[in-house]
Structures are given as C-alpha cells and as structure tokens.
Amino acid sequence: MCATTVPTTKADVRKVLVVDDQEDVREALRLLLKGAGYAAEMAESPKDALAAAAYCDHDAVVMDMNYTWDTTSGREGLDLIDNLHRQCPSVPIIAMTGWSTIELAVEAMHRGACDFITKPWDRKHLLEILNKYVGSESASNGRASGLETELAIARKIQRTLLPQPHLSACGIECDCASLPAGEISGDLYDFFPVDSERVAFMLGDVSGKGIGAALLMANLQATIRSRQDLAVYPSKLMDEVNRAFFLSTRPEHYATLFFGLYDSSRRSIHYVNCGHPSGVVLRRDGEPELLESTASVLGLFKACPFKERTVPVNVGDRLILFSDGLSEARLDDGDDDWVIRAVRALARTHARGLAGSLATAAITTGKHNDDVTVMDIRIGA
C-alpha cells in the first residue's frame, strides 16, 4: 500500500516562525514555544525566513531586528518586515531586539509588525503577546474595515480551500509555495492520492486578478475535485474539466493548468500541460528536461484535443512546476532563461525548501506584479 503523510493542520497545532541569527536564542524560543503548545520553525537569516514564509503555513512570526552586517540600527529587520508583510499580510509579526528604542519600535509597527518585545524577554509576556494575536482577527484586520475586512476573510477562505503545502505519498514528497501579488491569489495548486500506487498533482493560473480570479480558481478546483474518478486518465479528465469550465464561465475567462499523475509502480509521470509554463524535470545529475505544453488552455473552446504524455523518472529526480509569475519575473530584463539557472543552482543547496526559495527569488529580484506559485516534487524510493 502507498503510505500517505498529511501534515498536521493549523487547527491542530499553532505554528510559529522564529527568525534569529543566534543559535542559543532560537533554541531557547523553541523550548519556550514547545512548552506552550506551539510548533516552531527556525530561520537564522532574513533570506531563510522569506523562503520559509513563502509556504504561508505559519500562524505568527517572532523575529529579531538585527542580523549579521548590522547589529544596531534594525535596518535588516525593517526590510524583513516589509517583505514578510508583503508575502503573507494576514500573518502577525512580533519584532524583538536587544537594542530597542521607541523610534525603532514605532517604525517596526509602521512597517507591519503587530507588536514589539525586548531582549531578554519575559517568558510570560512573550506568550501573552502570542496568544493575543494567534487566531485573533486583530492580527490581520484589527484596524481594518469595509473592503479590507472582506479581503481578509477572502484570504482565509482561500487558504482553507487549498491543501496544506506539504505532502508525502506514494514515494514522493511535494512542497508548494504560493505568494499572491495582491490580497488574494488567482493561482491554483492541489495534490491528492488517487489509489495505493498513484498520486495526482496540479498547478494552474486563471485569467485576471483579485477576487474574480480567486472565484474562478475555486470553481476550477471544485470541478477537478468532483471528477477525481478520472484522475488516472489525465487527458479524459482535462476534456471533462474543459467542457465544464467553458460552460460555467464567461468567454473571456480561461485558465492554464499542468495536471500530472505519478505512478510509483512504473516510476513515471503522466501529464497534460494545458498552455501552462513548461514544467522542469531536474534529473539527479542536474540536467533539466522541459515538459512543454500539450494542449490548449482551459475554457476557451468547448471541445479540443488534450494530448497526454509520459515521462520516466528515477529516485533523486524532481519535478518543478510554477506559474508565470515566476517564469516572467525577469521578462522585462530580457532574461528568459533565469528560471532554469535558478532551479539548477538552488536545487544543489536545497534538498528541501526549493519551492519557497524560488518563489522568494521571484519577488525579491523581479517585478512582483503577478501571483507566484512553485511546486517541488521529489522522487524517492
């Protein structure tokens, strides 16, 4: 039988991202949080923090304001708050520093932090602050009203519809990072075991942005989920999904989608690429292979052929899928091949966390004007 591991959900354990460049501080906070019933993930630098936060599965961030090159001004911490708040605007950020000043505290909260503590911290006070914000509406929209409140609710509903960002099933491990350009995303990702030997996965991008795109995304996801019985036949599934999507949306609406099925008994991936950016199979030796489009986008035509292809994979190979928010991040610079270079370079140093690192690279080095979603599928024994 194919073993499936689904990570603990947010409803079960509250998860805190701790960011500090001192190992003893991280360990002290880990023990404190564990004793209070929190799960803690550690990051030792702003770069590591942004990669971890790209999965958007944290309930709060506790972060230092000073790092390697600047131990007093808090400039690195302020920049990190900016980026974290942009990546996951609904996640409360609690800033901490041993060089606290009123000016720095005010600036941190102006940038998006919800509270501020000093080092050395008071254990009871720190936990009181966490309990105040984790699970509380005040963390994300305490000062919001009207449209901002509605968008905050929409973000939470969307995160509920999407699966947890980590899955282990049928000999593969899958991670997915998704960073919206605005308040909510029009990108879709999903994965689910089909039977004892096969697991399905998908990554898509619907036309438009904002709430309208998010509704289209939810419609497409529900359509695919309702026909899971066809998941073992990707081309047939896409034909059914296309017909339903065409009939339920306006003529100008469409979606790109990569739908794949991993078969552990045959060590193969069967896929249909509906006008989506080419997936990258990164072989164990570092050589890339592109899985290019095999069919038209979904929703433009009531009937069109959906060609299915098969690619063999081996232990140590990985498949990286992404939305055009990643592939076009440097399009204005004329750098069309940067994704392949980034995948190969980052994969050498990231046995895990590649999806988050790629998503972060897209929004920190390119123009973040589109949703960025990255899926990393690793083939195991």
Protein backbone atom coordinates (compact mmCIF):
# COMPACT_ATOMS: atom_id res chain seq x y z
CA MET A 1 0.00 0.00 0.00
CA CYS A 2 1.05 3.55 -0.64
CA ALA A 3 1.63 5.41 2.62
CA THR A 4 0.33 8.95 2.76
CA THR A 5 1.51 11.54 5.23
CA VAL A 6 -0.60 14.64 5.61
CA PRO A 7 0.97 17.34 7.79
CA THR A 8 -0.73 18.43 10.96
CA THR A 9 -3.24 21.13 10.16
CA LYS A 10 -3.39 24.58 11.67
CA ALA A 11 -6.46 23.56 13.61
CA ASP A 12 -4.33 21.01 15.48
CA VAL A 13 -1.11 22.93 16.23
CA ARG A 14 -0.27 26.61 16.04
CA LYS A 15 2.97 27.15 14.14
CA VAL A 16 5.41 29.99 14.76
CA LEU A 17 8.33 31.01 12.55
CA VAL A 18 11.26 32.15 14.71
CA VAL A 19 13.93 34.28 12.99
CA ASP A 20 17.21 34.99 14.82
CA ASP A 21 20.88 34.68 13.89
CA GLN A 22 21.90 33.40 17.33
CA GLU A 23 21.54 29.65 17.83
CA ASP A 24 21.09 29.87 21.62
CA VAL A 25 18.24 32.36 21.18
CA ARG A 26 16.50 30.12 18.65
CA GLU A 27 16.82 27.11 20.93
CA ALA A 28 15.51 29.00 23.96
CA LEU A 29 12.49 30.17 21.99
CA ARG A 30 11.91 26.69 20.58
CA LEU A 31 11.76 25.20 24.09
CA LEU A 32 9.53 28.01 25.35
CA LEU A 33 7.11 27.65 22.47
CA LYS A 34 7.07 23.85 22.67
CA GLY A 35 6.16 24.02 26.35
CA ALA A 36 3.28 26.35 25.48
CA GLY A 37 1.89 24.02 22.81
CA TYR A 38 3.29 25.76 19.73
CA ALA A 39 5.24 24.18 16.89
CA ALA A 40 8.30 26.25 15.96
CA GLU A 41 10.22 26.52 12.69
CA MET A 42 13.63 28.15 12.84
CA ALA A 43 15.35 30.52 10.39
CA GLU A 44 18.74 32.13 11.03
CA SER A 45 18.70 34.85 8.39
CA PRO A 46 16.25 37.11 6.55
CA LYS A 47 16.82 35.07 3.38
CA ASP A 48 15.94 31.80 5.15
CA ALA A 49 12.94 33.46 6.77
CA LEU A 50 11.47 34.61 3.47
CA ALA A 51 11.92 31.15 1.94
CA ALA A 52 10.16 29.53 4.91
CA ALA A 53 7.37 32.12 4.94
CA ALA A 54 6.64 31.51 1.26
CA TYR A 55 4.65 28.41 2.23
CA CYS A 56 2.25 30.64 4.23
CA ASP A 57 1.61 27.91 6.80
CA HIS A 58 2.65 29.87 9.90
CA ASP A 59 0.28 31.41 12.42
CA ALA A 60 2.80 34.02 13.58
CA VAL A 61 6.38 35.23 13.13
CA VAL A 62 8.71 36.15 16.01
CA MET A 63 11.76 37.88 14.56
CA ASP A 64 14.91 39.66 15.56
CA MET A 65 15.54 43.15 14.21
CA ASN A 66 19.35 42.90 13.85
CA TYR A 67 21.45 40.44 11.84
CA THR A 68 24.93 39.77 10.51
CA TRP A 69 26.01 43.01 8.90
CA ASP A 70 24.06 45.44 11.10
CA THR A 71 23.74 44.81 14.82
CA THR A 72 22.28 48.10 15.98
CA SER A 73 20.10 50.04 13.53
CA GLY A 74 17.46 47.39 12.82
CA ARG A 75 17.58 48.12 9.09
CA GLU A 76 17.73 44.45 8.11
CA GLY A 77 14.80 43.72 10.39
CA LEU A 78 12.73 46.54 8.94
CA ASP A 79 13.38 45.29 5.41
CA LEU A 80 12.41 41.78 6.51
CA ILE A 81 9.14 43.05 7.98
CA ASP A 82 8.37 44.76 4.67
CA ASN A 83 8.94 41.54 2.72
CA LEU A 84 7.14 39.27 5.19
CA HIS A 85 4.15 41.57 5.31
CA ARG A 86 4.03 41.63 1.52
CA GLN A 87 4.28 37.82 1.28
CA CYS A 88 1.76 36.92 3.98
CA PRO A 89 -0.18 40.05 5.01
CA SER A 90 -2.51 38.17 7.35
CA VAL A 91 0.28 36.63 9.50
CA PRO A 92 1.08 38.64 12.66
CA ILE A 93 4.72 39.68 13.07
CA ILE A 94 6.22 40.21 16.52
CA ALA A 95 9.54 42.08 16.42
CA MET A 96 12.23 41.74 19.09
CA THR A 97 15.66 43.27 19.70
CA GLY A 98 18.23 43.82 22.38
CA TRP A 99 18.89 47.34 21.10
CA SER A 100 15.35 48.64 21.39
CA THR A 101 14.37 52.27 21.03
CA ILE A 102 10.97 53.90 20.85
CA GLU A 103 11.78 55.05 17.30
CA LEU A 104 12.62 51.54 16.13
CA ALA A 105 9.52 50.08 17.77
CA VAL A 106 7.30 52.67 16.11
CA GLU A 107 8.96 52.12 12.73
CA ALA A 108 8.63 48.31 13.02
CA MET A 109 4.91 48.60 13.71
CA HIS A 110 4.53 51.17 10.95
CA ARG A 111 6.07 48.63 8.53
CA GLY A 112 3.58 45.93 9.54
CA ALA A 113 4.65 44.39 12.86
CA CYS A 114 1.73 43.94 15.23
CA ASP A 115 3.78 44.12 18.45
CA PHE A 116 7.28 44.56 19.84
CA ILE A 117 9.27 42.92 22.66
CA THR A 118 12.75 43.45 24.02
CA LYS A 119 15.60 41.06 24.75
CA PRO A 120 15.97 39.47 27.20
CA TRP A 121 12.28 38.71 27.03
CA ASP A 122 9.89 37.97 29.83
CA ARG A 123 8.55 34.46 29.15
CA LYS A 124 5.05 35.18 30.39
CA HIS A 125 4.81 38.46 28.47
CA LEU A 126 6.02 36.89 25.21
CA LEU A 127 3.44 34.11 25.43
CA GLU A 128 0.71 36.60 26.31
CA ILE A 129 1.52 38.56 23.14
CA LEU A 130 1.46 35.40 21.02
CA ASN A 131 -1.85 34.28 22.50
CA LYS A 132 -3.25 37.74 21.85
CA TYR A 133 -2.57 37.60 18.13
CA VAL A 134 -2.55 33.97 17.06
CA GLY A 135 -6.03 33.03 15.93
CA SER A 136 -7.23 36.56 16.55
CA GLU A 137 -8.80 38.74 13.90
CA SER A 138 -6.86 41.69 15.29
CA ALA A 139 -3.65 40.22 13.87
CA SER A 140 -4.70 40.73 10.28
CA ASN A 141 -7.51 43.24 10.28
CA GLY A 142 -7.82 44.73 13.74
CA ARG A 143 -7.67 48.22 12.27
CA ALA A 144 -9.36 47.30 9.02
CA SER A 145 -12.93 47.85 7.98
CA GLY A 146 -15.12 47.51 4.94
CA LEU A 147 -13.34 46.16 1.91
CA GLU A 148 -10.14 45.37 3.86
CA THR A 149 -12.12 43.18 6.24
CA GLU A 150 -13.80 41.38 3.34
CA LEU A 151 -10.42 40.74 1.70
CA ALA A 152 -9.01 39.38 4.94
CA ILE A 153 -11.93 36.96 5.16
CA ALA A 154 -11.46 36.01 1.50
CA ARG A 155 -7.78 35.24 2.13
CA LYS A 156 -8.68 32.90 4.97
CA ILE A 157 -11.33 31.12 2.91
CA GLN A 158 -8.87 30.68 0.04
CA ARG A 159 -6.21 29.20 2.31
CA THR A 160 -8.85 26.78 3.63
CA LEU A 161 -9.72 25.62 0.11
CA LEU A 162 -6.10 24.98 -0.82
CA PRO A 163 -4.33 21.95 0.70
CA GLN A 164 -1.53 22.18 3.23
CA PRO A 165 1.72 22.99 1.39
CA HIS A 166 3.48 19.70 2.15
CA LEU A 167 2.50 16.16 1.16
CA SER A 168 4.24 12.79 1.28
CA ALA A 169 2.58 9.96 -0.65
CA CYS A 170 3.44 7.01 -2.90
CA GLY A 171 7.17 7.58 -2.60
CA ILE A 172 7.18 11.27 -3.47
CA GLU A 173 7.45 14.39 -1.35
CA CYS A 174 5.72 17.54 -2.55
CA ASP A 175 6.09 21.13 -1.35
CA CYS A 176 4.23 24.15 -2.69
CA ALA A 177 4.82 27.85 -2.07
CA SER A 178 2.28 30.43 -3.23
CA LEU A 179 2.66 34.20 -2.96
CA PRO A 180 -0.17 36.42 -4.25
CA ALA A 181 0.65 39.70 -5.98
CA GLY A 182 -2.36 41.31 -4.31
CA GLU A 183 -4.63 40.45 -1.44
CA ILE A 184 -5.69 37.06 -2.82
CA SER A 185 -4.35 34.76 -5.50
CA GLY A 186 -5.63 33.55 -8.84
CA ASP A 187 -3.19 30.62 -8.83
CA LEU A 188 -4.31 27.08 -8.10
CA TYR A 189 -2.37 24.17 -6.68
CA ASP A 190 -3.59 20.84 -5.40
CA PHE A 191 -2.41 17.27 -4.86
CA PHE A 192 -4.16 14.13 -3.66
CA PRO A 193 -3.55 10.35 -3.57
CA VAL A 194 -5.61 8.51 -6.19
CA ASP A 195 -5.04 4.92 -5.08
CA SER A 196 -2.36 2.78 -3.45
CA GLU A 197 0.20 3.46 -6.19
CA ARG A 198 -0.67 6.83 -7.72
CA VAL A 199 -0.91 10.45 -6.65
CA ALA A 200 -2.27 13.38 -8.68
CA PHE A 201 -0.98 16.93 -8.60
CA MET A 202 -1.73 20.16 -10.45
CA LEU A 203 -0.71 23.77 -10.72
CA GLY A 204 -2.72 26.35 -12.61
CA ASP A 205 -3.30 30.04 -13.21
CA VAL A 206 -6.67 31.58 -14.06
CA SER A 207 -7.11 34.77 -16.06
CA GLY A 208 -7.38 38.05 -14.20
CA LYS A 209 -6.51 39.10 -10.67
CA GLY A 210 -8.22 39.76 -7.38
CA ILE A 211 -11.48 38.36 -6.08
CA GLY A 212 -12.79 37.49 -9.56
CA ALA A 213 -9.70 35.37 -10.30
CA ALA A 214 -9.93 33.73 -6.89
CA LEU A 215 -13.54 32.72 -7.56
CA LEU A 216 -12.55 31.26 -10.92
CA MET A 217 -9.74 29.37 -9.18
CA ALA A 218 -12.18 27.91 -6.66
CA ASN A 219 -14.56 26.94 -9.47
CA LEU A 220 -11.80 25.15 -11.37
CA GLN A 221 -10.51 23.36 -8.28
CA ALA A 222 -14.02 22.16 -7.38
CA THR A 223 -14.59 20.92 -10.94
CA ILE A 224 -11.40 18.85 -10.87
CA ARG A 225 -12.04 17.51 -7.39
CA SER A 226 -15.55 16.44 -8.38
CA ARG A 227 -14.10 14.21 -11.13
CA GLN A 228 -11.32 12.51 -9.19
CA ASP A 229 -12.52 9.21 -10.61
CA LEU A 230 -10.90 10.27 -13.90
CA ALA A 231 -7.56 11.27 -12.37
CA VAL A 232 -5.89 8.08 -13.66
CA TYR A 233 -6.73 9.26 -17.18
CA PRO A 234 -5.35 12.84 -17.33
CA SER A 235 -6.42 13.52 -20.91
CA LYS A 236 -10.01 12.38 -20.24
CA LEU A 237 -10.13 14.38 -17.03
CA MET A 238 -8.94 17.55 -18.76
CA ASP A 239 -11.53 17.06 -21.51
CA GLU A 240 -14.33 16.88 -18.92
CA VAL A 241 -12.93 19.79 -16.92
CA ASN A 242 -12.55 21.96 -20.01
CA ARG A 243 -16.15 21.36 -21.06
CA ALA A 244 -17.49 22.19 -17.58
CA PHE A 245 -15.25 25.25 -17.21
CA PHE A 246 -16.26 26.52 -20.67
CA LEU A 247 -19.98 26.23 -19.86
CA SER A 248 -19.72 27.84 -16.42
CA THR A 249 -17.58 30.90 -17.25
CA ARG A 250 -17.71 33.94 -19.50
CA PRO A 251 -15.99 33.73 -22.93
CA GLU A 252 -13.02 35.86 -21.88
CA HIS A 253 -12.18 33.62 -18.93
CA TYR A 254 -9.67 30.81 -19.21
CA ALA A 255 -7.01 29.00 -17.23
CA THR A 256 -3.63 27.42 -17.82
CA LEU A 257 -3.06 24.16 -15.97
CA PHE A 258 -0.44 21.45 -15.58
CA PHE A 259 -2.08 18.23 -14.40
CA GLY A 260 0.11 15.25 -13.59
CA LEU A 261 -0.20 11.72 -12.23
CA TYR A 262 2.75 9.96 -10.60
CA ASP A 263 2.69 6.16 -10.87
CA SER A 264 5.03 4.63 -8.29
CA SER A 265 4.82 1.10 -9.77
CA ARG A 266 6.04 2.31 -13.17
CA ARG A 267 8.23 5.18 -12.00
CA SER A 268 6.55 7.53 -14.43
CA ILE A 269 4.67 10.81 -14.62
CA HIS A 270 1.66 11.05 -16.94
CA TYR A 271 0.68 14.63 -17.65
CA VAL A 272 -1.30 17.10 -19.70
CA ASN A 273 0.02 20.65 -19.95
CA CYS A 274 -2.84 22.99 -20.87
CA GLY A 275 -0.98 26.07 -22.08
CA HIS A 276 0.95 26.34 -18.81
CA PRO A 277 4.64 27.26 -18.46
CA SER A 278 6.81 24.19 -19.09
CA GLY A 279 7.48 22.04 -16.06
CA VAL A 280 11.12 21.21 -15.36
CA VAL A 281 12.22 17.66 -14.62
CA LEU A 282 15.58 18.07 -12.91
CA ARG A 283 17.46 14.81 -13.19
CA ARG A 284 19.61 13.55 -10.38
CA ASP A 285 22.73 14.59 -12.31
CA GLY A 286 21.42 18.17 -12.59
CA GLU A 287 20.32 18.04 -16.21
CA PRO A 288 16.91 19.69 -16.91
CA GLU A 289 14.16 18.37 -19.16
CA LEU A 290 11.23 20.58 -20.14
CA LEU A 291 7.64 19.30 -20.10
CA GLU A 292 6.13 21.65 -22.63
CA SER A 293 2.51 22.42 -23.45
CA THR A 294 0.48 19.53 -24.90
CA ALA A 295 -2.94 21.20 -25.21
CA SER A 296 -4.81 24.48 -25.36
CA VAL A 297 -5.73 26.48 -22.26
CA LEU A 298 -8.90 25.51 -20.42
CA GLY A 299 -12.15 27.33 -21.10
CA LEU A 300 -11.54 28.98 -24.47
CA PHE A 301 -13.03 26.18 -26.61
CA LYS A 302 -15.85 23.82 -25.76
CA ALA A 303 -14.02 20.89 -27.34
CA CYS A 304 -10.36 20.47 -28.23
CA PRO A 305 -7.81 17.65 -28.04
CA PHE A 306 -5.90 17.11 -24.80
CA LYS A 307 -2.76 15.15 -25.52
CA GLU A 308 -1.28 13.13 -22.68
CA ARG A 309 2.44 12.43 -22.39
CA THR A 310 4.53 10.18 -20.17
CA VAL A 311 8.00 10.83 -18.79
CA PRO A 312 10.03 8.22 -16.85
CA VAL A 313 11.58 9.31 -13.54
CA ASN A 314 14.02 7.78 -11.09
CA VAL A 315 14.97 8.14 -7.45
CA GLY A 316 16.60 11.53 -6.94
CA ASP A 317 14.81 13.23 -9.82
CA ARG A 318 12.48 16.14 -9.08
CA LEU A 319 9.75 17.96 -10.97
CA ILE A 320 9.40 21.71 -10.54
CA LEU A 321 6.14 23.37 -11.64
CA PHE A 322 5.45 27.09 -11.47
CA SER A 323 3.08 29.82 -12.58
CA ASP A 324 4.09 32.58 -14.98
CA GLY A 325 4.65 34.87 -12.01
CA LEU A 326 7.96 33.03 -11.66
CA SER A 327 8.83 32.49 -15.31
CA GLU A 328 8.12 36.14 -16.21
CA ALA A 329 9.68 37.74 -13.13
CA ARG A 330 12.64 38.98 -15.19
CA LEU A 331 10.98 39.20 -18.57
CA ASP A 332 11.40 42.98 -18.68
CA ASP A 333 15.15 42.48 -18.27
CA GLY A 334 15.25 40.18 -21.28
CA ASP A 335 16.36 37.27 -19.10
CA ASP A 336 14.19 34.43 -20.44
CA ASP A 337 16.35 31.60 -19.08
CA TRP A 338 16.74 32.70 -15.50
CA VAL A 339 14.28 30.11 -14.15
CA ILE A 340 16.34 27.15 -15.41
CA ARG A 341 19.51 28.68 -13.96
CA ALA A 342 17.81 29.38 -10.65
CA VAL A 343 16.33 25.88 -10.45
CA ARG A 344 19.68 24.22 -11.09
CA ALA A 345 21.60 26.49 -8.72
CA LEU A 346 19.15 26.39 -5.82
CA ALA A 347 18.47 22.66 -6.14
CA ARG A 348 22.14 21.98 -5.38
CA THR A 349 21.77 23.59 -1.94
CA HIS A 350 18.12 22.85 -1.19
CA ALA A 351 17.23 19.21 -0.69
CA ARG A 352 14.10 20.76 0.83
CA GLY A 353 12.69 24.25 0.66
CA LEU A 354 13.35 24.74 -3.05
CA ALA A 355 9.80 25.94 -3.79
CA GLY A 356 9.98 28.62 -1.14
CA SER A 357 13.43 29.77 -2.24
CA LEU A 358 12.36 30.06 -5.89
CA ALA A 359 9.18 31.96 -5.02
CA THR A 360 11.14 34.35 -2.82
CA ALA A 361 13.74 34.87 -5.56
CA ALA A 362 10.99 35.85 -7.98
CA ILE A 363 9.50 38.56 -5.80
CA THR A 364 12.77 39.95 -4.44
CA THR A 365 14.74 40.12 -7.69
CA GLY A 366 11.97 40.70 -10.22
CA LYS A 367 8.81 42.78 -10.53
CA HIS A 368 6.16 41.25 -8.28
CA ASN A 369 3.15 42.12 -10.43
CA ASP A 370 1.71 38.61 -10.73
CA ASP A 371 0.94 35.72 -8.40
CA VAL A 372 3.90 33.38 -7.87
CA THR A 373 3.32 29.69 -7.17
CA VAL A 374 6.00 26.98 -7.19
CA MET A 375 5.65 23.23 -6.64
CA ASP A 376 8.61 20.93 -5.97
CA ILE A 377 8.02 17.18 -6.33
CA ARG A 378 10.87 14.92 -5.23
CA ILE A 379 11.00 11.28 -6.34
CA GLY A 380 12.00 8.95 -3.51
CA ALA A 381 12.44 5.22 -3.07
